[in-house]
Structure formats: structure tokens, C-alpha cells
Amino acid sequence: MLRKPVRILLAAMLAFFVSAAHAAPAEVYLIGTLYQRHDQVPAFSADVLRRVILAIKPDVLVLDVTPDELAKKVVHPSKIEYTRTVFPLLAGQPFVVYPAEPAEPMFTEIVSGLTARLRQWEQQDPAAAATYKRTERALFGVLIPYWNTASRVQNDVTAEALASLAGTQEMLVGDVLKTANARWDKHTADAVVAAAAKHPGTRILVLTGIRNRPHVKAHLAGAPQVRLVDMPAWLSKAGY
């Protein structure tokens, strides 16, 4: 027969595992950001993003920055939503924050390999590269006026349009781009799942590039630790 201290320990362990198994999933708000294009979209400017974040009232943030960028609060100049909105908010709010972009050496491995392949492609097939860039400009020329609400930025029309563009580029550039994109988005999703596992039942705001959002969303769809919020519906109801 087990001694009383052992029985107490086993009971406590069982209670812990039962509690963990039944922990409420984290409520995940997945938002695609526009980088410098926030300045071209008044309905989803950096200031609107700030109001949206405050309206969500997240407990946890998962951001598309590297651990080093998060520590130094320095990002690529194109990520204006960080310098104008996110980093100032971090200074005055008690968020738990996690980086979603890979640390070294994975970051350089992905980025340098992809950069080299893109440069090679542009040299080998300059006509195709130029045509792709014109197509990209034309698509955003259509999307920017379409984005007259923040809700539309996050909806399926946007996701499908950008997925088509991404698929075209992957077809032209090849497996290096496809693999890099897949690794990047899976890393982001894994960071979200890890945060949700550490903070069950909380509100988690995830910021990722608008092009990455559909793929990150697909990775998260089956994760039991996560309950994805319908962002277009939430934003529309909130007046955005």
C-alpha cells in the first residue's frame, strides 16, 4: 500500500494533468499587417492598428520580429507599424511578448538563401521578373482602394488574391522560395502554439505580414491549444 505522502503527490500530479488536458484554448487574434503600405490605407493606418490592439486587450503578443529585434526594439525601416505603434505600446502596457521570427542561424540561413535565389532568377529571366513586378504593383493597385475597412484587409478576398500572387512567384522562382515561405510560416505558427500552451485561456494577438497571414492561419487551424477568432467579423462588429 502506498504511503500517504506518495498518494498525495500522485493525486496532485493527476489533478495537474487533468487540469492541463481540459485547459481552455487561447483566443487567438491573427492580424496581417501592411508594413509601409499602412500609410496608403487610411482605414488600416498605424494609428488604426493601435486602436484595434487596445480594443482587443490582449494578454500576450506574438510578433513578426526576431528575438534580437524584440530585445533592441529595432526592425527593418519598412515595418512602420512597429516603430509607430507596437513598440510604443510595449513601453506602457503589461503584455507578455514573444518573437515569431527565427533566431540565428535559422534567420540568416533562410534569408540569405532566398535572397541569392531571387537575385539569380532576376538575372536568368529578367523578362519574367519584370512581368512579375508589374503584376504585383497592379494587384496592390486594386487592393489598396478595396481596403476601405480594416476588415477587408483581413478577409478571404485579400487572402485569395495574395495567395495567387505568391503561388505565381513560387512557380517562377522554384522550390527555394516555396520552402523558405513554408519554413517561415510554420515557425510563426509554432511560436503561437507554444505561447498558447503556456498561456491557456488568454487572449493572444498575433501580428504577421499580410502575405503570410493565410498560411499561418492554415497551420493554426487544427491546433487544440488555439481558438482562432474570425478577424473580419470581429473588426466589422467593432467598427473597423
Protein backbone atom coordinates (compact mmCIF):
# COMPACT_ATOMS: atom_id res chain seq x y z
CA MET A 1 0.00 0.00 0.00
CA LEU A 2 1.29 3.46 -0.94
CA ARG A 3 2.33 5.74 1.86
CA LYS A 4 0.22 8.85 2.41
CA PRO A 5 2.82 11.38 1.06
CA VAL A 6 3.14 9.33 -2.13
CA ARG A 7 -0.65 9.17 -2.54
CA ILE A 8 -0.88 12.93 -2.06
CA LEU A 9 1.85 13.51 -4.65
CA LEU A 10 0.19 11.20 -7.17
CA ALA A 11 -3.18 12.87 -6.61
CA ALA A 12 -1.63 16.29 -7.15
CA MET A 13 0.06 15.12 -10.36
CA LEU A 14 -3.19 13.61 -11.62
CA ALA A 15 -5.07 16.83 -10.86
CA PHE A 16 -2.43 18.81 -12.73
CA PHE A 17 -2.62 16.64 -15.85
CA VAL A 18 -6.42 16.59 -15.81
CA SER A 19 -6.44 20.37 -15.48
CA ALA A 20 -3.97 20.76 -18.34
CA ALA A 21 -5.96 18.41 -20.55
CA HIS A 22 -9.09 20.48 -20.01
CA ALA A 23 -7.42 23.90 -20.18
CA ALA A 24 -9.33 26.36 -22.28
CA PRO A 25 -7.66 27.12 -25.60
CA ALA A 26 -6.19 30.56 -26.05
CA GLU A 27 -8.29 33.03 -28.03
CA VAL A 28 -6.04 33.99 -30.95
CA TYR A 29 -6.46 37.21 -32.92
CA LEU A 30 -4.40 36.80 -36.09
CA ILE A 31 -3.82 40.11 -37.87
CA GLY A 32 -1.96 40.68 -41.12
CA THR A 33 -0.06 43.96 -41.21
CA LEU A 34 0.87 46.06 -44.23
CA TYR A 35 4.32 47.40 -43.37
CA GLN A 36 4.87 50.68 -45.25
CA ARG A 37 1.52 50.29 -47.03
CA HIS A 38 -0.23 51.25 -43.78
CA ASP A 39 0.44 54.80 -44.95
CA GLN A 40 -1.54 54.11 -48.15
CA VAL A 41 -4.54 52.59 -46.38
CA PRO A 42 -6.29 55.13 -44.10
CA ALA A 43 -8.77 52.51 -42.90
CA PHE A 44 -5.87 50.43 -41.57
CA SER A 45 -3.22 53.01 -40.76
CA ALA A 46 -0.68 52.51 -37.99
CA ASP A 47 -2.96 54.54 -35.71
CA VAL A 48 -5.97 52.34 -36.54
CA LEU A 49 -3.85 49.28 -35.76
CA ARG A 50 -3.07 50.82 -32.38
CA ARG A 51 -6.78 51.30 -31.64
CA VAL A 52 -7.52 47.74 -32.74
CA ILE A 53 -4.84 46.33 -30.43
CA LEU A 54 -6.17 48.31 -27.48
CA ALA A 55 -9.73 47.18 -28.28
CA ILE A 56 -8.68 43.52 -28.35
CA LYS A 57 -7.00 43.93 -24.94
CA PRO A 58 -4.58 41.04 -25.44
CA ASP A 59 -2.72 39.37 -22.63
CA VAL A 60 0.00 38.05 -24.94
CA LEU A 61 1.58 39.35 -28.15
CA VAL A 62 3.31 37.18 -30.75
CA LEU A 63 5.15 39.47 -33.17
CA ASP A 64 6.86 39.00 -36.52
CA VAL A 65 10.24 40.08 -35.23
CA THR A 66 13.35 38.16 -34.30
CA PRO A 67 14.41 37.76 -30.66
CA ASP A 68 17.21 40.27 -31.26
CA GLU A 69 14.85 42.81 -32.86
CA LEU A 70 12.45 42.47 -29.95
CA ALA A 71 15.22 42.99 -27.43
CA LYS A 72 16.63 46.04 -29.23
CA LYS A 73 13.27 47.40 -30.47
CA VAL A 74 14.82 47.86 -33.91
CA VAL A 75 13.28 46.49 -37.12
CA HIS A 76 13.60 46.95 -40.88
CA PRO A 77 12.50 50.51 -41.81
CA SER A 78 9.58 49.12 -43.85
CA LYS A 79 7.90 47.83 -40.68
CA ILE A 80 6.41 51.19 -39.73
CA GLU A 81 3.69 49.59 -37.61
CA TYR A 82 6.38 48.56 -35.13
CA THR A 83 8.14 51.89 -34.76
CA ARG A 84 4.89 53.89 -34.68
CA THR A 85 2.51 51.55 -32.90
CA VAL A 86 3.75 48.29 -31.42
CA PHE A 87 6.97 49.31 -29.68
CA PRO A 88 5.41 52.43 -28.11
CA LEU A 89 2.57 50.25 -26.80
CA LEU A 90 5.04 47.79 -25.29
CA ALA A 91 6.51 50.60 -23.24
CA GLY A 92 3.23 51.32 -21.49
CA GLN A 93 1.32 48.02 -21.35
CA PRO A 94 1.95 44.85 -19.30
CA PHE A 95 1.96 42.44 -22.26
CA VAL A 96 3.74 39.11 -22.33
CA VAL A 97 5.60 39.22 -25.66
CA TYR A 98 7.13 36.52 -27.85
CA PRO A 99 9.06 36.85 -31.13
CA ALA A 100 7.76 34.73 -34.02
CA GLU A 101 10.62 35.13 -36.49
CA PRO A 102 13.52 32.69 -36.21
CA ALA A 103 16.68 33.45 -34.31
CA GLU A 104 20.13 32.91 -35.75
CA PRO A 105 21.37 30.87 -37.51
CA MET A 106 17.99 29.93 -38.99
CA PHE A 107 17.13 33.53 -39.88
CA THR A 108 20.24 34.09 -41.99
CA GLU A 109 20.03 30.61 -43.47
CA ILE A 110 16.54 31.26 -44.83
CA VAL A 111 17.00 34.90 -45.82
CA SER A 112 20.43 34.61 -47.44
CA GLY A 113 19.45 31.51 -49.41
CA LEU A 114 16.26 33.14 -50.62
CA THR A 115 17.96 36.43 -51.48
CA ALA A 116 20.59 34.62 -53.53
CA ARG A 117 17.97 32.63 -55.41
CA LEU A 118 15.86 35.71 -56.19
CA ARG A 119 18.92 37.54 -57.48
CA GLN A 120 19.81 34.54 -59.64
CA TRP A 121 16.27 34.33 -61.03
CA GLU A 122 16.20 38.02 -61.91
CA GLN A 123 19.50 37.65 -63.79
CA GLN A 124 18.48 34.46 -65.58
CA ASP A 125 14.99 35.57 -66.57
CA PRO A 126 14.76 39.37 -66.37
CA ALA A 127 11.63 39.49 -68.53
CA ALA A 128 9.70 37.20 -66.20
CA ALA A 129 10.98 39.08 -63.15
CA ALA A 130 9.87 42.40 -64.63
CA THR A 131 6.46 40.98 -65.55
CA TYR A 132 6.00 39.63 -62.02
CA LYS A 133 6.84 43.03 -60.51
CA ARG A 134 4.31 44.72 -62.78
CA THR A 135 1.70 42.15 -61.76
CA GLU A 136 2.48 42.76 -58.09
CA ARG A 137 2.11 46.54 -58.50
CA ALA A 138 -1.14 46.09 -60.40
CA LEU A 139 -2.60 43.80 -57.73
CA PHE A 140 -1.82 46.21 -54.92
CA GLY A 141 -3.19 48.98 -57.10
CA VAL A 142 -6.51 47.13 -56.95
CA LEU A 143 -6.30 46.03 -53.32
CA ILE A 144 -5.40 49.38 -51.78
CA PRO A 145 -8.65 51.11 -52.83
CA TYR A 146 -10.55 47.90 -51.98
CA TRP A 147 -9.18 48.13 -48.43
CA ASN A 148 -11.63 50.82 -47.31
CA THR A 149 -12.10 49.00 -44.00
CA ALA A 150 -9.64 47.13 -41.79
CA SER A 151 -11.96 44.14 -42.00
CA ARG A 152 -11.39 43.88 -45.75
CA VAL A 153 -7.63 43.75 -45.25
CA GLN A 154 -8.10 40.50 -43.31
CA ASN A 155 -10.84 38.86 -45.39
CA ASP A 156 -10.84 35.93 -47.82
CA VAL A 157 -10.82 38.16 -50.92
CA THR A 158 -7.49 39.61 -49.81
CA ALA A 159 -6.16 36.19 -48.81
CA GLU A 160 -7.05 34.60 -52.14
CA ALA A 161 -5.62 37.47 -54.18
CA LEU A 162 -2.31 37.40 -52.33
CA ALA A 163 -2.18 33.59 -52.40
CA SER A 164 -2.48 33.72 -56.18
CA LEU A 165 0.38 36.22 -56.36
CA ALA A 166 2.53 34.12 -54.04
CA GLY A 167 1.79 30.96 -56.00
CA THR A 168 2.82 32.65 -59.22
CA GLN A 169 6.12 33.78 -57.73
CA GLU A 170 6.83 30.35 -56.26
CA MET A 171 6.14 28.76 -59.65
CA LEU A 172 8.58 31.13 -61.33
CA VAL A 173 11.33 31.13 -58.71
CA GLY A 174 11.13 27.46 -57.70
CA ASP A 175 11.42 25.32 -54.61
CA VAL A 176 13.85 27.60 -52.75
CA LEU A 177 11.13 30.23 -52.39
CA LYS A 178 8.38 27.72 -51.64
CA THR A 179 10.46 26.00 -48.96
CA ALA A 180 11.56 29.31 -47.40
CA ASN A 181 7.96 30.54 -47.20
CA ALA A 182 6.78 27.25 -45.70
CA ARG A 183 9.52 27.19 -43.05
CA TRP A 184 8.91 30.82 -42.13
CA ASP A 185 5.15 30.47 -41.72
CA LYS A 186 5.45 27.18 -39.83
CA HIS A 187 7.91 28.81 -37.43
CA THR A 188 5.41 31.61 -36.76
CA ALA A 189 2.59 29.15 -36.16
CA ASP A 190 4.77 27.07 -33.84
CA ALA A 191 5.55 30.20 -31.81
CA VAL A 192 1.83 30.91 -31.47
CA VAL A 193 1.04 27.34 -30.38
CA ALA A 194 3.86 27.45 -27.82
CA ALA A 195 2.55 30.75 -26.43
CA ALA A 196 -0.97 29.33 -26.27
CA ALA A 197 0.26 26.25 -24.41
CA LYS A 198 1.99 28.46 -21.84
CA HIS A 199 -0.99 30.81 -21.50
CA PRO A 200 -4.21 28.80 -21.92
CA GLY A 201 -7.46 30.71 -21.81
CA THR A 202 -5.82 34.06 -22.56
CA ARG A 203 -6.18 36.49 -25.45
CA ILE A 204 -3.23 36.28 -27.82
CA LEU A 205 -2.69 38.85 -30.53
CA VAL A 206 -0.53 37.66 -33.43
CA LEU A 207 0.92 40.10 -35.94
CA THR A 208 2.30 38.76 -39.20
CA GLY A 209 2.76 40.12 -42.68
CA ILE A 210 -0.45 40.24 -44.70
CA ARG A 211 1.02 37.84 -47.27
CA ASN A 212 1.87 35.33 -44.55
CA ARG A 213 -1.44 35.50 -42.72
CA PRO A 214 -3.37 32.85 -44.73
CA HIS A 215 -0.57 30.29 -44.36
CA VAL A 216 -0.11 30.93 -40.64
CA LYS A 217 -3.87 30.66 -40.23
CA ALA A 218 -3.89 27.29 -42.02
CA HIS A 219 -1.15 25.95 -39.73
CA LEU A 220 -3.10 27.06 -36.64
CA ALA A 221 -6.49 25.78 -37.75
CA GLY A 222 -6.08 22.30 -36.25
CA ALA A 223 -4.15 23.21 -33.11
CA PRO A 224 -6.15 22.27 -29.98
CA GLN A 225 -4.38 24.95 -27.94
CA VAL A 226 -5.83 27.66 -30.20
CA ARG A 227 -9.25 29.09 -30.94
CA LEU A 228 -8.96 31.40 -33.91
CA VAL A 229 -11.11 34.50 -33.81
CA ASP A 230 -12.87 35.43 -37.07
CA MET A 231 -10.98 38.66 -37.58
CA PRO A 232 -13.03 40.13 -40.47
CA ALA A 233 -16.22 39.60 -38.46
CA TRP A 234 -14.66 40.91 -35.24
CA LEU A 235 -13.27 44.01 -36.93
CA SER A 236 -16.53 44.72 -38.72
CA LYS A 237 -18.51 44.41 -35.49
CA ALA A 238 -16.02 46.70 -33.74
CA GLY A 239 -16.48 49.34 -36.43
CA TYR A 240 -13.28 48.74 -38.34
